[in-house]
């Protein structure tokens, strides 16, 4: 999950947003499996199977979607805090310019801690100020005060098309692995890999990348031509059953342990 979470964080998807989406997927998947097993599908059954609260199960099965009110804005608490700093009358001075705030102040006086309490819920002020400094949203003035530098938080975003292609690739790979992990499935799908467990020199890695691109592209193009011919044949017969099938290839580079990832065994 670590590479996926890195992508989500990089593109401004919060934990709350992810868990809300994941909750829907858990309920949908469990409902589908229970139906396939001819079990009596009920709110309680799905709730027990997934661990999702019964009220959430009822809402998801009824609406078939995500509760938008339960999902925080993509700008999250950081965005709400920055907006509050620019819009709350208590925190803006003459001409609408936000006040420079001390980190903490006596009760009833303006402070960053009070701003966090109003707009960031249970996030510790110390963690919030570190996050604002990390994204260069505040300037530390050196006298215990902070100046806000912009009013909205727009995280770096990935091209939506590329993001969708990534999600499709992950879905296809996960389905293949899930298929092959099912004990009763006799006909396994191709899932093979080659790799150097002891590592290679950088120049060899570059050479390997070139070979993969050349030979892999040739293989994929040949298979694409073969599938295209058969696809054109089935288009002519609308009564013919369809099976969407294909082959995906990807090259991987296993990370060093410097970012906290453990090398696979």
C-alpha atoms as a PDB file:
ATOM      1  CA  UNK A   1       0.000   0.000   0.000  1.00  0.00           C
ATOM      2  CA  UNK A   2       2.920   2.392   0.562  1.00  0.00           C
ATOM      3  CA  UNK A   3       3.403   3.422  -3.114  1.00  0.00           C
ATOM      4  CA  UNK A   4      -0.350   3.924  -3.471  1.00  0.00           C
ATOM      5  CA  UNK A   5      -0.557   6.051  -0.334  1.00  0.00           C
ATOM      6  CA  UNK A   6       2.394   8.137  -1.527  1.00  0.00           C
ATOM      7  CA  UNK A   7       0.506   8.865  -4.737  1.00  0.00           C
ATOM      8  CA  UNK A   8      -2.651   9.756  -2.821  1.00  0.00           C
ATOM      9  CA  UNK A   9      -0.843  12.106  -0.422  1.00  0.00           C
ATOM     10  CA  UNK A  10       1.062  13.729  -3.270  1.00  0.00           C
ATOM     11  CA  UNK A  11      -2.253  14.494  -4.964  1.00  0.00           C
ATOM     12  CA  UNK A  12      -4.073  15.824  -1.928  1.00  0.00           C
ATOM     13  CA  UNK A  13      -6.227  12.805  -1.058  1.00  0.00           C
ATOM     14  CA  UNK A  14      -6.720  12.699   2.700  1.00  0.00           C
ATOM     15  CA  UNK A  15      -7.076   9.677   4.965  1.00  0.00           C
ATOM     16  CA  UNK A  16     -10.734  10.523   5.542  1.00  0.00           C
ATOM     17  CA  UNK A  17     -11.460  10.667   1.820  1.00  0.00           C
ATOM     18  CA  UNK A  18      -9.649   7.406   1.170  1.00  0.00           C
ATOM     19  CA  UNK A  19     -11.393   5.539   3.982  1.00  0.00           C
ATOM     20  CA  UNK A  20     -14.795   6.759   2.801  1.00  0.00           C
ATOM     21  CA  UNK A  21     -14.118   5.423  -0.695  1.00  0.00           C
ATOM     22  CA  UNK A  22     -12.666   2.210   0.721  1.00  0.00           C
ATOM     23  CA  UNK A  23     -15.762   1.761   2.877  1.00  0.00           C
ATOM     24  CA  UNK A  24     -17.938   1.793  -0.252  1.00  0.00           C
ATOM     25  CA  UNK A  25     -15.666  -0.724  -1.980  1.00  0.00           C
ATOM     26  CA  UNK A  26     -15.765  -3.068   1.031  1.00  0.00           C
ATOM     27  CA  UNK A  27     -19.568  -3.018   1.125  1.00  0.00           C
ATOM     28  CA  UNK A  28     -19.958  -3.458  -2.649  1.00  0.00           C
ATOM     29  CA  UNK A  29     -17.443  -6.316  -2.765  1.00  0.00           C
ATOM     30  CA  UNK A  30     -18.974  -8.113   0.220  1.00  0.00           C
ATOM     31  CA  UNK A  31     -22.488  -7.743  -1.161  1.00  0.00           C
ATOM     32  CA  UNK A  32     -21.310  -9.215  -4.475  1.00  0.00           C
ATOM     33  CA  UNK A  33     -19.564 -12.173  -2.821  1.00  0.00           C
ATOM     34  CA  UNK A  34     -22.502 -12.919  -0.571  1.00  0.00           C
ATOM     35  CA  UNK A  35     -24.812 -12.931  -3.570  1.00  0.00           C
ATOM     36  CA  UNK A  36     -22.483 -15.278  -5.468  1.00  0.00           C
ATOM     37  CA  UNK A  37     -22.453 -17.632  -2.502  1.00  0.00           C
ATOM     38  CA  UNK A  38     -26.271 -17.646  -2.405  1.00  0.00           C
ATOM     39  CA  UNK A  39     -26.156 -16.377   1.172  1.00  0.00           C
ATOM     40  CA  UNK A  40     -28.977 -14.315   2.550  1.00  0.00           C
ATOM     41  CA  UNK A  41     -27.817 -10.789   1.935  1.00  0.00           C
ATOM     42  CA  UNK A  42     -28.694  -8.462   4.798  1.00  0.00           C
ATOM     43  CA  UNK A  43     -27.382  -5.293   6.334  1.00  0.00           C
ATOM     44  CA  UNK A  44     -26.223  -7.205   9.384  1.00  0.00           C
ATOM     45  CA  UNK A  45     -24.512  -9.893   7.314  1.00  0.00           C
ATOM     46  CA  UNK A  46     -22.562  -7.330   5.262  1.00  0.00           C
ATOM     47  CA  UNK A  47     -21.730  -5.314   8.374  1.00  0.00           C
ATOM     48  CA  UNK A  48     -20.381  -8.396  10.165  1.00  0.00           C
ATOM     49  CA  UNK A  49     -18.388  -9.514   7.124  1.00  0.00           C
ATOM     50  CA  UNK A  50     -16.757  -6.143   6.462  1.00  0.00           C
ATOM     51  CA  UNK A  51     -16.641  -4.516   9.878  1.00  0.00           C
ATOM     52  CA  UNK A  52     -18.339  -1.440   8.387  1.00  0.00           C
ATOM     53  CA  UNK A  53     -20.977   0.023  10.748  1.00  0.00           C
ATOM     54  CA  UNK A  54     -24.528  -1.091   9.936  1.00  0.00           C
ATOM     55  CA  UNK A  55     -25.763   2.467   9.346  1.00  0.00           C
ATOM     56  CA  UNK A  56     -23.015   3.042   6.777  1.00  0.00           C
ATOM     57  CA  UNK A  57     -23.831  -0.274   5.090  1.00  0.00           C
ATOM     58  CA  UNK A  58     -27.496   0.739   4.832  1.00  0.00           C
ATOM     59  CA  UNK A  59     -26.588   4.131   3.374  1.00  0.00           C
ATOM     60  CA  UNK A  60     -24.165   2.672   0.821  1.00  0.00           C
ATOM     61  CA  UNK A  61     -26.500  -0.118  -0.327  1.00  0.00           C
ATOM     62  CA  UNK A  62     -29.355   2.361  -0.618  1.00  0.00           C
ATOM     63  CA  UNK A  63     -27.532   5.140  -2.444  1.00  0.00           C
ATOM     64  CA  UNK A  64     -24.860   3.086  -4.175  1.00  0.00           C
ATOM     65  CA  UNK A  65     -22.323   5.837  -3.724  1.00  0.00           C
ATOM     66  CA  UNK A  66     -20.189   7.959  -1.451  1.00  0.00           C
ATOM     67  CA  UNK A  67     -21.653  10.295   1.128  1.00  0.00           C
ATOM     68  CA  UNK A  68     -20.220  13.562  -0.141  1.00  0.00           C
ATOM     69  CA  UNK A  69     -20.929  15.257   3.164  1.00  0.00           C
ATOM     70  CA  UNK A  70     -18.761  12.669   4.905  1.00  0.00           C
ATOM     71  CA  UNK A  71     -15.848  13.374   2.613  1.00  0.00           C
ATOM     72  CA  UNK A  72     -13.752  16.394   3.508  1.00  0.00           C
ATOM     73  CA  UNK A  73     -12.832  18.866   0.804  1.00  0.00           C
ATOM     74  CA  UNK A  74      -9.652  17.922  -1.015  1.00  0.00           C
ATOM     75  CA  UNK A  75      -7.955  20.957   0.376  1.00  0.00           C
ATOM     76  CA  UNK A  76      -8.658  19.413   3.776  1.00  0.00           C
ATOM     77  CA  UNK A  77      -8.055  21.029   7.087  1.00  0.00           C
ATOM     78  CA  UNK A  78      -5.064  22.951   5.821  1.00  0.00           C
ATOM     79  CA  UNK A  79      -7.246  24.648   3.246  1.00  0.00           C
ATOM     80  CA  UNK A  80      -9.966  25.456   5.771  1.00  0.00           C
ATOM     81  CA  UNK A  81      -7.445  26.957   8.147  1.00  0.00           C
ATOM     82  CA  UNK A  82      -5.872  29.145   5.463  1.00  0.00           C
ATOM     83  CA  UNK A  83      -9.297  30.317   4.348  1.00  0.00           C
ATOM     84  CA  UNK A  84     -10.282  31.104   7.910  1.00  0.00           C
ATOM     85  CA  UNK A  85      -7.089  33.077   8.407  1.00  0.00           C
ATOM     86  CA  UNK A  86      -8.116  35.255   5.449  1.00  0.00           C
ATOM     87  CA  UNK A  87     -11.868  35.469   6.103  1.00  0.00           C
ATOM     88  CA  UNK A  88     -12.540  35.279   9.838  1.00  0.00           C
ATOM     89  CA  UNK A  89     -13.085  38.908  11.016  1.00  0.00           C
ATOM     90  CA  UNK A  90     -11.116  38.205  14.174  1.00  0.00           C
ATOM     91  CA  UNK A  91      -8.021  37.248  12.205  1.00  0.00           C
ATOM     92  CA  UNK A  92      -8.001  39.919   9.501  1.00  0.00           C
ATOM     93  CA  UNK A  93      -6.961  43.519   9.956  1.00  0.00           C
ATOM     94  CA  UNK A  94      -7.470  46.726   7.995  1.00  0.00           C
ATOM     95  CA  UNK A  95      -7.926  46.365   4.228  1.00  0.00           C
ATOM     96  CA  UNK A  96      -8.550  42.629   4.672  1.00  0.00           C
ATOM     97  CA  UNK A  97      -4.906  41.790   5.375  1.00  0.00           C
ATOM     98  CA  UNK A  98      -4.535  38.786   7.722  1.00  0.00           C
ATOM     99  CA  UNK A  99      -2.918  39.481  11.071  1.00  0.00           C
ATOM    100  CA  UNK A 100       0.488  38.049  11.858  1.00  0.00           C
ATOM    101  CA  UNK A 101      -0.193  35.614  14.673  1.00  0.00           C
ATOM    102  CA  UNK A 102       1.770  34.453  17.685  1.00  0.00           C
ATOM    103  CA  UNK A 103       1.817  30.712  18.047  1.00  0.00           C
ATOM    104  CA  UNK A 104       0.086  30.930  21.414  1.00  0.00           C
ATOM    105  CA  UNK A 105      -1.465  33.773  23.404  1.00  0.00           C
ATOM    106  CA  UNK A 106      -3.564  34.408  26.473  1.00  0.00           C
ATOM    107  CA  UNK A 107      -7.163  33.245  26.343  1.00  0.00           C
ATOM    108  CA  UNK A 108      -9.346  35.585  24.322  1.00  0.00           C
ATOM    109  CA  UNK A 109      -6.477  36.920  22.211  1.00  0.00           C
ATOM    110  CA  UNK A 110      -5.651  36.068  18.621  1.00  0.00           C
ATOM    111  CA  UNK A 111      -3.199  33.215  18.169  1.00  0.00           C
ATOM    112  CA  UNK A 112      -2.346  30.451  15.757  1.00  0.00           C
ATOM    113  CA  UNK A 113      -3.437  27.925  18.373  1.00  0.00           C
ATOM    114  CA  UNK A 114      -6.908  29.485  18.484  1.00  0.00           C
ATOM    115  CA  UNK A 115      -7.064  29.486  14.687  1.00  0.00           C
ATOM    116  CA  UNK A 116      -6.286  25.769  14.638  1.00  0.00           C
ATOM    117  CA  UNK A 117      -8.948  25.112  17.265  1.00  0.00           C
ATOM    118  CA  UNK A 118     -11.581  26.792  15.106  1.00  0.00           C
ATOM    119  CA  UNK A 119     -10.687  25.420  11.711  1.00  0.00           C
ATOM    120  CA  UNK A 120      -8.610  22.249  12.080  1.00  0.00           C
ATOM    121  CA  UNK A 121     -10.450  20.304  14.757  1.00  0.00           C
ATOM    122  CA  UNK A 122      -8.269  17.938  16.757  1.00  0.00           C
ATOM    123  CA  UNK A 123      -5.044  18.504  14.825  1.00  0.00           C
ATOM    124  CA  UNK A 124      -2.284  19.559  17.273  1.00  0.00           C
ATOM    125  CA  UNK A 125      -1.179  23.161  16.527  1.00  0.00           C
ATOM    126  CA  UNK A 126       2.462  22.033  16.531  1.00  0.00           C
ATOM    127  CA  UNK A 127       1.787  19.564  13.723  1.00  0.00           C
ATOM    128  CA  UNK A 128      -0.256  22.087  11.749  1.00  0.00           C
ATOM    129  CA  UNK A 129       2.414  24.778  11.854  1.00  0.00           C
ATOM    130  CA  UNK A 130       5.034  22.270  10.713  1.00  0.00           C
ATOM    131  CA  UNK A 131       2.826  21.275   7.780  1.00  0.00           C
ATOM    132  CA  UNK A 132       2.276  24.935   6.829  1.00  0.00           C
ATOM    133  CA  UNK A 133       6.011  25.533   6.934  1.00  0.00           C
ATOM    134  CA  UNK A 134       6.615  22.427   4.841  1.00  0.00           C
ATOM    135  CA  UNK A 135       4.353  23.676   2.041  1.00  0.00           C
ATOM    136  CA  UNK A 136       5.686  27.253   2.402  1.00  0.00           C
ATOM    137  CA  UNK A 137       2.281  28.606   3.412  1.00  0.00           C
ATOM    138  CA  UNK A 138       3.632  30.600   6.367  1.00  0.00           C
ATOM    139  CA  UNK A 139       6.712  32.654   7.136  1.00  0.00           C
ATOM    140  CA  UNK A 140       8.261  32.409  10.589  1.00  0.00           C
ATOM    141  CA  UNK A 141       9.154  35.976  11.564  1.00  0.00           C
ATOM    142  CA  UNK A 142      11.562  35.039  14.331  1.00  0.00           C
ATOM    143  CA  UNK A 143       9.711  36.746  17.174  1.00  0.00           C
ATOM    144  CA  UNK A 144       7.230  33.964  17.832  1.00  0.00           C
ATOM    145  CA  UNK A 145       4.880  35.288  15.153  1.00  0.00           C
ATOM    146  CA  UNK A 146       3.858  33.783  11.814  1.00  0.00           C
ATOM    147  CA  UNK A 147       2.715  35.466   8.599  1.00  0.00           C
ATOM    148  CA  UNK A 148       0.427  33.618   6.200  1.00  0.00           C
ATOM    149  CA  UNK A 149       1.630  33.715   2.587  1.00  0.00           C
ATOM    150  CA  UNK A 150      -1.385  32.490   0.612  1.00  0.00           C
ATOM    151  CA  UNK A 151      -5.032  31.779   1.234  1.00  0.00           C
ATOM    152  CA  UNK A 152      -5.678  28.479  -0.492  1.00  0.00           C
ATOM    153  CA  UNK A 153      -3.984  25.125  -0.556  1.00  0.00           C
ATOM    154  CA  UNK A 154      -3.898  23.419  -3.929  1.00  0.00           C
ATOM    155  CA  UNK A 155      -1.758  20.278  -3.748  1.00  0.00           C
ATOM    156  CA  UNK A 156       0.284  19.099  -6.684  1.00  0.00           C
ATOM    157  CA  UNK A 157      -2.068  17.201  -8.953  1.00  0.00           C
ATOM    158  CA  UNK A 158      -1.519  14.382 -11.370  1.00  0.00           C
ATOM    159  CA  UNK A 159      -2.900  14.455 -14.885  1.00  0.00           C
ATOM    160  CA  UNK A 160      -6.392  12.890 -14.441  1.00  0.00           C
ATOM    161  CA  UNK A 161      -5.900  10.735 -17.541  1.00  0.00           C
ATOM    162  CA  UNK A 162      -2.629   9.331 -16.218  1.00  0.00           C
ATOM    163  CA  UNK A 163      -4.232   8.780 -12.820  1.00  0.00           C
ATOM    164  CA  UNK A 164      -7.053   6.823 -14.429  1.00  0.00           C
ATOM    165  CA  UNK A 165      -4.600   4.724 -16.444  1.00  0.00           C
ATOM    166  CA  UNK A 166      -2.700   3.972 -13.245  1.00  0.00           C
ATOM    167  CA  UNK A 167      -5.901   2.889 -11.495  1.00  0.00           C
ATOM    168  CA  UNK A 168      -6.800   0.610 -14.411  1.00  0.00           C
ATOM    169  CA  UNK A 169      -3.346  -0.998 -14.323  1.00  0.00           C
ATOM    170  CA  UNK A 170      -3.575  -1.587 -10.574  1.00  0.00           C
ATOM    171  CA  UNK A 171      -7.071  -3.027 -10.927  1.00  0.00           C
ATOM    172  CA  UNK A 172      -6.080  -5.447 -13.690  1.00  0.00           C
ATOM    173  CA  UNK A 173      -3.023  -6.648 -11.773  1.00  0.00           C
ATOM    174  CA  UNK A 174      -5.006  -7.054  -8.539  1.00  0.00           C
ATOM    175  CA  UNK A 175      -7.705  -9.060 -10.325  1.00  0.00           C
ATOM    176  CA  UNK A 176      -5.100 -11.409 -11.790  1.00  0.00           C
ATOM    177  CA  UNK A 177      -3.474 -11.941  -8.397  1.00  0.00           C
ATOM    178  CA  UNK A 178      -6.862 -12.455  -6.726  1.00  0.00           C
ATOM    179  CA  UNK A 179      -7.832 -14.973  -9.430  1.00  0.00           C
ATOM    180  CA  UNK A 180      -4.616 -16.948  -8.948  1.00  0.00           C
ATOM    181  CA  UNK A 181      -4.948 -16.905  -5.154  1.00  0.00           C
ATOM    182  CA  UNK A 182      -8.356 -18.569  -5.182  1.00  0.00           C
ATOM    183  CA  UNK A 183      -7.718 -22.207  -4.154  1.00  0.00           C
ATOM    184  CA  UNK A 184     -10.506 -23.642  -6.302  1.00  0.00           C
ATOM    185  CA  UNK A 185      -9.333 -21.930  -9.492  1.00  0.00           C
ATOM    186  CA  UNK A 186      -7.639 -24.519 -11.706  1.00  0.00           C
ATOM    187  CA  UNK A 187      -6.791 -22.350 -14.719  1.00  0.00           C
ATOM    188  CA  UNK A 188      -4.335 -19.737 -13.478  1.00  0.00           C
ATOM    189  CA  UNK A 189      -3.569 -16.563 -15.384  1.00  0.00           C
ATOM    190  CA  UNK A 190      -0.018 -15.762 -16.472  1.00  0.00           C
ATOM    191  CA  UNK A 191       1.854 -13.885 -13.744  1.00  0.00           C
ATOM    192  CA  UNK A 192       5.621 -14.207 -14.002  1.00  0.00           C
ATOM    193  CA  UNK A 193       8.594 -12.015 -13.239  1.00  0.00           C
ATOM    194  CA  UNK A 194      12.360 -11.912 -13.601  1.00  0.00           C
ATOM    195  CA  UNK A 195      14.586  -9.910 -11.306  1.00  0.00           C
ATOM    196  CA  UNK A 196      18.081  -9.660  -9.863  1.00  0.00           C
ATOM    197  CA  UNK A 197      17.781 -10.255  -6.091  1.00  0.00           C
ATOM    198  CA  UNK A 198      21.371  -9.149  -5.479  1.00  0.00           C
ATOM    199  CA  UNK A 199      21.125  -6.033  -7.653  1.00  0.00           C
ATOM    200  CA  UNK A 200      23.109  -4.943 -10.698  1.00  0.00           C
ATOM    201  CA  UNK A 201      25.327  -2.021 -11.628  1.00  0.00           C
ATOM    202  CA  UNK A 202      23.577   1.208 -12.746  1.00  0.00           C
ATOM    203  CA  UNK A 203      24.829   0.809 -16.306  1.00  0.00           C
ATOM    204  CA  UNK A 204      23.378  -2.710 -16.433  1.00  0.00           C
ATOM    205  CA  UNK A 205      20.063  -1.384 -15.132  1.00  0.00           C
ATOM    206  CA  UNK A 206      19.994   1.156 -17.964  1.00  0.00           C
ATOM    207  CA  UNK A 207      20.792  -1.572 -20.497  1.00  0.00           C
ATOM    208  CA  UNK A 208      18.052  -3.783 -19.073  1.00  0.00           C
ATOM    209  CA  UNK A 209      15.563  -0.925 -19.368  1.00  0.00           C
ATOM    210  CA  UNK A 210      16.443  -0.571 -23.049  1.00  0.00           C
ATOM    211  CA  UNK A 211      16.039  -4.290 -23.688  1.00  0.00           C
ATOM    212  CA  UNK A 212      12.668  -4.327 -21.926  1.00  0.00           C
ATOM    213  CA  UNK A 213      11.423  -1.395 -24.003  1.00  0.00           C
ATOM    214  CA  UNK A 214      12.599  -2.934 -27.270  1.00  0.00           C
ATOM    215  CA  UNK A 215      11.566  -6.547 -26.805  1.00  0.00           C
ATOM    216  CA  UNK A 216       8.530  -5.776 -24.659  1.00  0.00           C
ATOM    217  CA  UNK A 217       7.158  -3.289 -27.175  1.00  0.00           C
ATOM    218  CA  UNK A 218       7.675  -5.762 -30.020  1.00  0.00           C
ATOM    219  CA  UNK A 219       5.812  -8.488 -28.144  1.00  0.00           C
ATOM    220  CA  UNK A 220       2.941  -6.186 -27.172  1.00  0.00           C
ATOM    221  CA  UNK A 221       2.588  -4.869 -30.729  1.00  0.00           C
ATOM    222  CA  UNK A 222       2.467  -8.422 -32.120  1.00  0.00           C
ATOM    223  CA  UNK A 223      -0.159  -9.449 -29.568  1.00  0.00           C
ATOM    224  CA  UNK A 224      -2.132  -6.269 -30.242  1.00  0.00           C
ATOM    225  CA  UNK A 225      -2.228  -7.059 -33.958  1.00  0.00           C
ATOM    226  CA  UNK A 226      -3.382 -10.616 -33.223  1.00  0.00           C
ATOM    227  CA  UNK A 227      -6.119  -9.450 -30.827  1.00  0.00           C
ATOM    228  CA  UNK A 228      -7.286  -6.699 -33.168  1.00  0.00           C
ATOM    229  CA  UNK A 229      -7.942  -9.206 -35.933  1.00  0.00           C
ATOM    230  CA  UNK A 230     -10.043 -11.379 -33.604  1.00  0.00           C
ATOM    231  CA  UNK A 231     -11.807  -8.353 -32.201  1.00  0.00           C
ATOM    232  CA  UNK A 232     -12.898  -7.312 -35.673  1.00  0.00           C
ATOM    233  CA  UNK A 233     -14.281 -10.800 -36.246  1.00  0.00           C
ATOM    234  CA  UNK A 234     -16.453 -10.770 -33.129  1.00  0.00           C
ATOM    235  CA  UNK A 235     -17.796  -7.304 -33.937  1.00  0.00           C
ATOM    236  CA  UNK A 236     -19.489  -8.810 -36.978  1.00  0.00           C
ATOM    237  CA  UNK A 237     -21.353 -11.320 -34.822  1.00  0.00           C
ATOM    238  CA  UNK A 238     -23.367  -9.461 -32.190  1.00  0.00           C
ATOM    239  CA  UNK A 239     -24.599 -12.718 -30.629  1.00  0.00           C
ATOM    240  CA  UNK A 240     -21.078 -13.972 -29.897  1.00  0.00           C
ATOM    241  CA  UNK A 241     -20.209 -13.842 -26.158  1.00  0.00           C
ATOM    242  CA  UNK A 242     -17.430 -11.387 -25.321  1.00  0.00           C
ATOM    243  CA  UNK A 243     -14.440 -11.758 -23.024  1.00  0.00           C
ATOM    244  CA  UNK A 244     -12.234  -8.719 -22.491  1.00  0.00           C
ATOM    245  CA  UNK A 245      -8.680 -10.006 -22.310  1.00  0.00           C
ATOM    246  CA  UNK A 246      -5.191  -8.626 -22.644  1.00  0.00           C
ATOM    247  CA  UNK A 247      -1.619  -8.599 -21.446  1.00  0.00           C
ATOM    248  CA  UNK A 248       0.025  -5.819 -19.442  1.00  0.00           C
ATOM    249  CA  UNK A 249       3.748  -5.459 -18.875  1.00  0.00           C
ATOM    250  CA  UNK A 250       5.558  -3.278 -16.388  1.00  0.00           C
ATOM    251  CA  UNK A 251       9.135  -2.853 -15.303  1.00  0.00           C
ATOM    252  CA  UNK A 252       9.838  -2.490 -11.591  1.00  0.00           C
ATOM    253  CA  UNK A 253      12.712  -1.081  -9.569  1.00  0.00           C
ATOM    254  CA  UNK A 254      12.732  -2.150  -5.949  1.00  0.00           C
ATOM    255  CA  UNK A 255      13.504   0.769  -3.634  1.00  0.00           C
ATOM    256  CA  UNK A 256      16.365   1.054  -1.222  1.00  0.00           C
ATOM    257  CA  UNK A 257      15.487   1.045   2.473  1.00  0.00           C
ATOM    258  CA  UNK A 258      16.257   4.757   2.930  1.00  0.00           C
ATOM    259  CA  UNK A 259      12.573   5.777   2.877  1.00  0.00           C
ATOM    260  CA  UNK A 260      11.456   3.231   5.432  1.00  0.00           C
ATOM    261  CA  UNK A 261      10.415   0.510   3.012  1.00  0.00           C
ATOM    262  CA  UNK A 262      11.553  -2.954   3.919  1.00  0.00           C
ATOM    263  CA  UNK A 263      13.091  -4.995   1.111  1.00  0.00           C
ATOM    264  CA  UNK A 264      10.876  -7.956   0.150  1.00  0.00           C
ATOM    265  CA  UNK A 265      11.968 -11.433   1.152  1.00  0.00           C
END
